[in-house]
Amino acid sequence: MNDKEILSALYSTVENRRDNPKEGSYTCYLLDKGIDKILKKVGEECSETIIAAKNGDNGETVYEIADLIYHLMVMMVSQGIPLDDVLKELDKRSEKTGNLKNFHVVDKNS
């Protein structure tokens, strides 16, 4: 399976759980609890990804990124955001080059 197929399969699984709830399914649990619970998990997984990356543990970082992507997919399905919309946006961005933004630098020592 290529990258897009893997993401599409995950998205389809989440949609399937929404449309055909299964007893004991974590995805169904999240969808049933609603957006506040889903967003809490997205934030938690984001924080865990940051900490794993900061600690330089690539194995743990990959694990946490996978958790984050899963929870983002649940959020997308919950909010009616098609995977194709996100993929199209990423594709559009990949065509941009040389658009480094200038950042305002503040000297905190002044």
Protein backbone atom coordinates (compact mmCIF):
# COMPACT_ATOMS: atom_id res chain seq x y z
CA MET A 1 0.00 0.00 0.00
CA ASN A 2 1.29 3.48 -0.79
CA ASP A 3 1.04 6.43 1.60
CA LYS A 4 -2.22 7.76 0.20
CA GLU A 5 -3.80 4.30 0.30
CA ILE A 6 -2.83 3.88 3.95
CA LEU A 7 -4.35 7.24 4.89
CA SER A 8 -7.45 6.52 2.82
CA ALA A 9 -7.89 3.12 4.46
CA LEU A 10 -7.61 4.65 7.93
CA TYR A 11 -10.08 7.41 7.03
CA SER A 12 -12.50 4.82 5.60
CA THR A 13 -12.23 2.72 8.75
CA VAL A 14 -13.14 5.73 10.89
CA GLU A 15 -16.06 6.55 8.59
CA ASN A 16 -17.19 2.93 8.79
CA ARG A 17 -17.13 3.04 12.59
CA ARG A 18 -19.21 6.21 12.48
CA ASP A 19 -21.73 4.65 10.09
CA ASN A 20 -21.68 1.13 11.57
CA PRO A 21 -20.84 1.40 15.27
CA LYS A 22 -19.19 -1.64 16.85
CA GLU A 23 -19.37 -2.47 20.53
CA GLY A 24 -16.05 -1.90 22.26
CA SER A 25 -14.57 0.18 19.42
CA TYR A 26 -12.33 3.01 20.63
CA THR A 27 -13.18 4.99 17.48
CA CYS A 28 -16.90 4.63 18.24
CA TYR A 29 -16.25 5.71 21.82
CA LEU A 30 -14.53 8.89 20.64
CA LEU A 31 -17.18 9.68 18.06
CA ASP A 32 -19.91 9.08 20.63
CA LYS A 33 -18.25 11.34 23.22
CA GLY A 34 -18.04 14.16 20.68
CA ILE A 35 -15.69 16.85 19.52
CA ASP A 36 -14.49 17.99 22.96
CA LYS A 37 -13.20 14.50 23.79
CA ILE A 38 -11.71 14.09 20.31
CA LEU A 39 -9.91 17.45 20.51
CA LYS A 40 -8.63 16.62 23.99
CA LYS A 41 -7.05 13.47 22.53
CA VAL A 42 -5.62 15.40 19.56
CA GLY A 43 -3.99 17.84 21.98
CA GLU A 44 -2.69 15.03 24.17
CA GLU A 45 -1.17 13.18 21.22
CA CYS A 46 0.34 16.39 19.88
CA SER A 47 2.02 17.04 23.24
CA GLU A 48 3.29 13.46 23.42
CA THR A 49 4.71 13.80 19.90
CA ILE A 50 6.53 16.99 20.86
CA ILE A 51 8.00 15.42 23.99
CA ALA A 52 9.15 12.29 22.15
CA ALA A 53 10.80 14.42 19.45
CA LYS A 54 12.45 16.65 22.05
CA ASN A 55 13.82 13.56 23.76
CA GLY A 56 15.32 12.38 20.47
CA ASP A 57 13.56 9.03 20.60
CA ASN A 58 12.68 8.38 16.96
CA GLY A 59 10.86 5.14 17.67
CA GLU A 60 8.63 6.79 20.25
CA THR A 61 8.18 9.84 18.01
CA VAL A 62 6.96 7.66 15.14
CA TYR A 63 4.56 5.89 17.51
CA GLU A 64 3.16 9.21 18.76
CA ILE A 65 2.89 10.65 15.23
CA ALA A 66 0.80 7.62 14.25
CA ASP A 67 -1.46 8.22 17.28
CA LEU A 68 -1.76 11.90 16.33
CA ILE A 69 -2.65 11.11 12.73
CA TYR A 70 -5.29 8.61 13.87
CA HIS A 71 -6.89 11.13 16.23
CA LEU A 72 -6.78 13.82 13.52
CA MET A 73 -8.63 11.42 11.22
CA VAL A 74 -11.30 10.90 13.88
CA MET A 75 -11.58 14.68 14.21
CA MET A 76 -11.86 15.08 10.43
CA VAL A 77 -14.63 12.47 10.15
CA SER A 78 -16.43 14.00 13.12
CA GLN A 79 -16.28 17.44 11.50
CA GLY A 80 -17.13 16.25 7.97
CA ILE A 81 -13.72 17.17 6.56
CA PRO A 82 -12.90 14.90 3.60
CA LEU A 83 -9.40 13.43 3.48
CA ASP A 84 -9.17 14.52 -0.16
CA ASP A 85 -9.50 18.17 0.91
CA VAL A 86 -6.44 17.84 3.14
CA LEU A 87 -4.48 15.90 0.50
CA LYS A 88 -5.30 18.54 -2.13
CA GLU A 89 -4.12 21.29 0.21
CA LEU A 90 -0.87 19.43 0.87
CA ASP A 91 -0.41 18.91 -2.87
CA LYS A 92 -1.01 22.59 -3.51
CA ARG A 93 1.56 23.51 -0.88
CA SER A 94 4.12 21.09 -2.31
CA GLU A 95 4.14 23.11 -5.52
CA LYS A 96 5.25 26.25 -3.70
CA THR A 97 8.96 26.94 -3.48
CA GLY A 98 10.95 29.91 -2.34
CA ASN A 99 8.22 31.27 -0.13
CA LEU A 100 10.17 31.45 3.10
CA LYS A 101 8.36 33.91 5.28
CA ASN A 102 10.23 36.66 7.07
CA PHE A 103 9.82 36.32 10.79
CA HIS A 104 9.80 39.26 13.15
CA VAL A 105 12.71 38.78 15.49
CA VAL A 106 12.51 40.30 18.94
CA ASP A 107 15.68 40.80 20.95
CA LYS A 108 14.60 39.88 24.46
CA ASN A 109 17.89 41.16 25.88
CA SER A 110 17.14 44.77 25.02
